[in-house]
Amino acid sequence: MSAIEISQHCRAEHCLPKLQGESKEDVISEIIDTFVASGALSEDAAAELFGAVLAREEAGTTGIGKGVAMPHARASDVVEDTLIGVGLHLDGVDFDATDGAPVHMIFLIASSDPDEYLRVAGRIARVARDDVEMKALQRQTTAKAVHKFLEESWSSLNA
C-alpha cells in the first residue's frame, strides 16, 4: 500500500492537533466527530461506529505503548471506505496501554475491509515505532501540519 492510498483515508480535516477530551471515550468521540463534520460519516453511522470502537476497547486495550493508541472498528458495515482519524493530546489520556503510559497520539481506524484494516494498521504501527518521528509528530500544531507530516512519514517507508 502506498502513502497515497493511506493519505486518501486520512484527510487533513480528520486530524486534531489538540484533543480536549479527558478520557478515551471523549477523544474517540472527538475524532469520530471529524468524520461527521467532513461528510465522511452520517450522525447515525457515527453513533454505531462509536459503539463498535468502544466494544473493541472493552475486549482489550488498543494502547500499543510509547504513547500511541489505535482504537478501531474493522469489518464495520457503517463505513464504505477506510477512514483514519488522528488526534494528539498534550497531557495524555488513559487507554490502559500495554506499557501503562498515557496516550498522546490516537490513530482511529474504521474499515469495512479487514485486509485493508490490517495494511493500514501495519503502516501506522511502523511509523509509531519510530521515537524520533513520534516526537516530531507531537510538535505539529495544525490539522494541515499533522496531515502533511503523516503523509511524509508514510511515504518515507519502503513498504
C-alpha atoms as a PDB file:
ATOM      1  CA  MET A   1       0.000   0.000   0.000  1.00  0.00           C
ATOM      2  CA  SER A   2       1.437   3.313  -0.986  1.00  0.00           C
ATOM      3  CA  ALA A   3       1.350   6.504   1.053  1.00  0.00           C
ATOM      4  CA  ILE A   4      -1.094   7.958  -1.460  1.00  0.00           C
ATOM      5  CA  GLU A   5      -3.611   5.220  -0.680  1.00  0.00           C
ATOM      6  CA  ILE A   6      -3.223   5.751   3.061  1.00  0.00           C
ATOM      7  CA  SER A   7      -3.441   9.519   2.776  1.00  0.00           C
ATOM      8  CA  GLN A   8      -6.696   9.121   0.859  1.00  0.00           C
ATOM      9  CA  HIS A   9      -8.117   7.564   4.028  1.00  0.00           C
ATOM     10  CA  CYS A  10      -6.644  10.212   6.327  1.00  0.00           C
ATOM     11  CA  ARG A  11      -7.743  13.695   5.345  1.00  0.00           C
ATOM     12  CA  ALA A  12      -6.497  16.898   6.971  1.00  0.00           C
ATOM     13  CA  GLU A  13      -9.956  17.561   8.401  1.00  0.00           C
ATOM     14  CA  HIS A  14      -9.681  14.244  10.278  1.00  0.00           C
ATOM     15  CA  CYS A  15      -6.551  15.389  12.140  1.00  0.00           C
ATOM     16  CA  LEU A  16      -6.854  17.052  15.534  1.00  0.00           C
ATOM     17  CA  PRO A  17      -3.612  18.503  16.898  1.00  0.00           C
ATOM     18  CA  LYS A  18      -5.185  19.494  20.228  1.00  0.00           C
ATOM     19  CA  LEU A  19      -7.629  16.920  21.556  1.00  0.00           C
ATOM     20  CA  GLN A  20      -9.523  18.247  24.561  1.00  0.00           C
ATOM     21  CA  GLY A  21     -11.156  15.115  25.983  1.00  0.00           C
ATOM     22  CA  GLU A  22     -10.143  13.742  29.351  1.00  0.00           C
ATOM     23  CA  SER A  23     -10.999  10.098  28.715  1.00  0.00           C
ATOM     24  CA  LYS A  24     -10.547   7.628  25.897  1.00  0.00           C
ATOM     25  CA  GLU A  25     -14.282   7.805  25.236  1.00  0.00           C
ATOM     26  CA  ASP A  26     -14.059  11.596  24.918  1.00  0.00           C
ATOM     27  CA  VAL A  27     -11.154  11.556  22.460  1.00  0.00           C
ATOM     28  CA  ILE A  28     -12.654   8.742  20.396  1.00  0.00           C
ATOM     29  CA  SER A  29     -15.840  10.801  20.137  1.00  0.00           C
ATOM     30  CA  GLU A  30     -13.868  13.923  19.143  1.00  0.00           C
ATOM     31  CA  ILE A  31     -12.175  12.067  16.297  1.00  0.00           C
ATOM     32  CA  ILE A  32     -15.397  10.446  15.088  1.00  0.00           C
ATOM     33  CA  ASP A  33     -16.992  13.903  15.113  1.00  0.00           C
ATOM     34  CA  THR A  34     -14.445  14.977  12.477  1.00  0.00           C
ATOM     35  CA  PHE A  35     -15.751  12.230  10.182  1.00  0.00           C
ATOM     36  CA  VAL A  36     -19.279  13.622  10.559  1.00  0.00           C
ATOM     37  CA  ALA A  37     -18.187  17.246  10.132  1.00  0.00           C
ATOM     38  CA  SER A  38     -16.380  16.389   6.887  1.00  0.00           C
ATOM     39  CA  GLY A  39     -19.356  14.479   5.494  1.00  0.00           C
ATOM     40  CA  ALA A  40     -17.475  11.171   5.511  1.00  0.00           C
ATOM     41  CA  LEU A  41     -19.949   9.676   8.000  1.00  0.00           C
ATOM     42  CA  SER A  42     -23.572  10.315   8.952  1.00  0.00           C
ATOM     43  CA  GLU A  43     -24.535  11.054  12.549  1.00  0.00           C
ATOM     44  CA  ASP A  44     -26.367   7.716  12.802  1.00  0.00           C
ATOM     45  CA  ALA A  45     -23.327   5.867  11.483  1.00  0.00           C
ATOM     46  CA  ALA A  46     -21.125   7.823  13.900  1.00  0.00           C
ATOM     47  CA  ALA A  47     -23.117   6.537  16.866  1.00  0.00           C
ATOM     48  CA  GLU A  48     -22.760   2.971  15.561  1.00  0.00           C
ATOM     49  CA  LEU A  49     -19.042   3.444  14.956  1.00  0.00           C
ATOM     50  CA  PHE A  50     -18.558   4.863  18.448  1.00  0.00           C
ATOM     51  CA  GLY A  51     -20.275   1.788  19.912  1.00  0.00           C
ATOM     52  CA  ALA A  52     -18.169  -0.579  17.801  1.00  0.00           C
ATOM     53  CA  VAL A  53     -14.916   1.137  18.775  1.00  0.00           C
ATOM     54  CA  LEU A  54     -15.830   1.080  22.474  1.00  0.00           C
ATOM     55  CA  ALA A  55     -16.810  -2.593  22.229  1.00  0.00           C
ATOM     56  CA  ARG A  56     -13.357  -3.282  20.786  1.00  0.00           C
ATOM     57  CA  GLU A  57     -11.762  -1.331  23.660  1.00  0.00           C
ATOM     58  CA  GLU A  58     -13.672  -3.482  26.157  1.00  0.00           C
ATOM     59  CA  ALA A  59     -12.290  -6.615  24.501  1.00  0.00           C
ATOM     60  CA  GLY A  60      -8.724  -5.385  25.039  1.00  0.00           C
ATOM     61  CA  THR A  61      -6.700  -2.237  25.014  1.00  0.00           C
ATOM     62  CA  THR A  62      -5.638  -0.623  21.754  1.00  0.00           C
ATOM     63  CA  GLY A  63      -2.989   1.378  23.626  1.00  0.00           C
ATOM     64  CA  ILE A  64       0.062  -0.172  21.983  1.00  0.00           C
ATOM     65  CA  GLY A  65       2.640   1.631  24.122  1.00  0.00           C
ATOM     66  CA  LYS A  66       5.023   4.541  23.676  1.00  0.00           C
ATOM     67  CA  GLY A  67       2.111   6.984  23.963  1.00  0.00           C
ATOM     68  CA  VAL A  68       0.191   5.556  20.982  1.00  0.00           C
ATOM     69  CA  ALA A  69      -3.290   4.022  20.700  1.00  0.00           C
ATOM     70  CA  MET A  70      -5.056   2.621  17.638  1.00  0.00           C
ATOM     71  CA  PRO A  71      -8.750   2.336  18.533  1.00  0.00           C
ATOM     72  CA  HIS A  72     -10.599   0.755  15.651  1.00  0.00           C
ATOM     73  CA  ALA A  73     -13.576  -0.949  14.128  1.00  0.00           C
ATOM     74  CA  ARG A  74     -12.660  -3.393  11.390  1.00  0.00           C
ATOM     75  CA  ALA A  75     -15.150  -5.204   9.226  1.00  0.00           C
ATOM     76  CA  SER A  76     -17.563  -2.414  10.123  1.00  0.00           C
ATOM     77  CA  ASP A  77     -20.631  -2.034   7.956  1.00  0.00           C
ATOM     78  CA  VAL A  78     -21.063   1.622   8.956  1.00  0.00           C
ATOM     79  CA  VAL A  79     -18.261   2.820   6.650  1.00  0.00           C
ATOM     80  CA  GLU A  80     -17.863   2.246   2.939  1.00  0.00           C
ATOM     81  CA  ASP A  81     -14.168   3.077   2.776  1.00  0.00           C
ATOM     82  CA  THR A  82     -11.448   3.026   5.370  1.00  0.00           C
ATOM     83  CA  LEU A  83     -11.315   6.190   7.469  1.00  0.00           C
ATOM     84  CA  ILE A  84      -8.353   7.253   9.584  1.00  0.00           C
ATOM     85  CA  GLY A  85      -8.590   9.984  12.187  1.00  0.00           C
ATOM     86  CA  VAL A  86      -5.570  11.244  14.090  1.00  0.00           C
ATOM     87  CA  GLY A  87      -5.598  13.091  17.372  1.00  0.00           C
ATOM     88  CA  LEU A  88      -2.814  14.489  19.527  1.00  0.00           C
ATOM     89  CA  HIS A  89      -3.294  15.062  23.252  1.00  0.00           C
ATOM     90  CA  LEU A  90      -0.806  17.223  25.132  1.00  0.00           C
ATOM     91  CA  ASP A  91      -1.416  15.802  28.614  1.00  0.00           C
ATOM     92  CA  GLY A  92      -2.180  12.244  27.568  1.00  0.00           C
ATOM     93  CA  VAL A  93      -5.215  10.059  28.129  1.00  0.00           C
ATOM     94  CA  ASP A  94      -5.503   6.763  29.994  1.00  0.00           C
ATOM     95  CA  PHE A  95      -6.055   3.977  27.427  1.00  0.00           C
ATOM     96  CA  ASP A  96      -4.899   1.156  29.714  1.00  0.00           C
ATOM     97  CA  ALA A  97      -1.898   0.962  27.378  1.00  0.00           C
ATOM     98  CA  THR A  98       0.309  -2.110  27.457  1.00  0.00           C
ATOM     99  CA  ASP A  99       3.155  -0.093  28.989  1.00  0.00           C
ATOM    100  CA  GLY A 100       0.877   1.768  31.437  1.00  0.00           C
ATOM    101  CA  ALA A 101       1.841   5.162  29.985  1.00  0.00           C
ATOM    102  CA  PRO A 102      -0.691   7.818  28.989  1.00  0.00           C
ATOM    103  CA  VAL A 103      -1.554   8.025  25.304  1.00  0.00           C
ATOM    104  CA  HIS A 104      -0.655  11.202  23.437  1.00  0.00           C
ATOM    105  CA  MET A 105      -1.319  10.047  19.850  1.00  0.00           C
ATOM    106  CA  ILE A 106      -4.535   8.363  18.777  1.00  0.00           C
ATOM    107  CA  PHE A 107      -4.942   6.812  15.334  1.00  0.00           C
ATOM    108  CA  LEU A 108      -8.614   5.837  14.958  1.00  0.00           C
ATOM    109  CA  ILE A 109      -9.261   3.418  12.101  1.00  0.00           C
ATOM    110  CA  ALA A 110     -12.689   2.471  10.744  1.00  0.00           C
ATOM    111  CA  SER A 111     -12.750  -0.021   7.914  1.00  0.00           C
ATOM    112  CA  SER A 112     -15.257  -2.253   6.191  1.00  0.00           C
ATOM    113  CA  ASP A 113     -12.435  -4.449   4.843  1.00  0.00           C
ATOM    114  CA  PRO A 114     -10.410  -6.462   7.402  1.00  0.00           C
ATOM    115  CA  ASP A 115      -7.481  -6.850   4.982  1.00  0.00           C
ATOM    116  CA  GLU A 116      -7.356  -3.113   4.321  1.00  0.00           C
ATOM    117  CA  TYR A 117      -7.512  -2.500   8.073  1.00  0.00           C
ATOM    118  CA  LEU A 118      -4.502  -4.765   8.615  1.00  0.00           C
ATOM    119  CA  ARG A 119      -2.471  -2.986   5.931  1.00  0.00           C
ATOM    120  CA  VAL A 120      -3.307   0.444   7.357  1.00  0.00           C
ATOM    121  CA  ALA A 121      -2.702  -0.620  10.969  1.00  0.00           C
ATOM    122  CA  GLY A 122       0.615  -2.180   9.991  1.00  0.00           C
ATOM    123  CA  ARG A 123       1.772   1.024   8.316  1.00  0.00           C
ATOM    124  CA  ILE A 124       0.708   3.131  11.312  1.00  0.00           C
ATOM    125  CA  ALA A 125       2.459   0.744  13.703  1.00  0.00           C
ATOM    126  CA  ARG A 126       5.679   1.047  11.680  1.00  0.00           C
ATOM    127  CA  VAL A 127       5.564   4.838  11.874  1.00  0.00           C
ATOM    128  CA  ALA A 128       4.639   4.702  15.584  1.00  0.00           C
ATOM    129  CA  ARG A 129       7.706   2.598  16.440  1.00  0.00           C
ATOM    130  CA  ASP A 130       9.991   5.439  15.380  1.00  0.00           C
ATOM    131  CA  ASP A 131      10.514   7.573  18.505  1.00  0.00           C
ATOM    132  CA  VAL A 132      12.002  10.469  16.544  1.00  0.00           C
ATOM    133  CA  GLU A 133       9.019  10.546  14.166  1.00  0.00           C
ATOM    134  CA  MET A 134       6.520  10.397  17.033  1.00  0.00           C
ATOM    135  CA  LYS A 135       8.201  13.261  18.904  1.00  0.00           C
ATOM    136  CA  ALA A 136       8.194  15.300  15.703  1.00  0.00           C
ATOM    137  CA  LEU A 137       4.503  14.475  15.163  1.00  0.00           C
ATOM    138  CA  GLN A 138       3.675  15.761  18.643  1.00  0.00           C
ATOM    139  CA  ARG A 139       5.153  19.152  17.713  1.00  0.00           C
ATOM    140  CA  GLN A 140       2.668  19.692  14.864  1.00  0.00           C
ATOM    141  CA  THR A 141       0.148  22.393  15.787  1.00  0.00           C
ATOM    142  CA  THR A 142      -2.390  22.471  12.948  1.00  0.00           C
ATOM    143  CA  ALA A 143      -4.521  19.845  11.236  1.00  0.00           C
ATOM    144  CA  LYS A 144      -2.778  20.528   7.931  1.00  0.00           C
ATOM    145  CA  ALA A 145       0.648  20.199   9.537  1.00  0.00           C
ATOM    146  CA  VAL A 146      -0.293  16.870  11.167  1.00  0.00           C
ATOM    147  CA  HIS A 147      -1.650  15.582   7.857  1.00  0.00           C
ATOM    148  CA  LYS A 148       1.388  16.707   5.864  1.00  0.00           C
ATOM    149  CA  PHE A 149       3.755  15.234   8.437  1.00  0.00           C
ATOM    150  CA  LEU A 150       1.980  11.875   8.319  1.00  0.00           C
ATOM    151  CA  GLU A 151       1.975  11.821   4.510  1.00  0.00           C
ATOM    152  CA  GLU A 152       5.716  12.405   4.512  1.00  0.00           C
ATOM    153  CA  SER A 153       6.327   9.801   7.227  1.00  0.00           C
ATOM    154  CA  TRP A 154       4.254   7.178   5.472  1.00  0.00           C
ATOM    155  CA  SER A 155       5.841   7.878   2.107  1.00  0.00           C
ATOM    156  CA  SER A 156       9.332   7.533   3.608  1.00  0.00           C
ATOM    157  CA  LEU A 157       8.615   3.909   4.495  1.00  0.00           C
ATOM    158  CA  ASN A 158       9.728   1.400   1.896  1.00  0.00           C
ATOM    159  CA  ALA A 159       6.744  -0.916   2.032  1.00  0.00           C
END
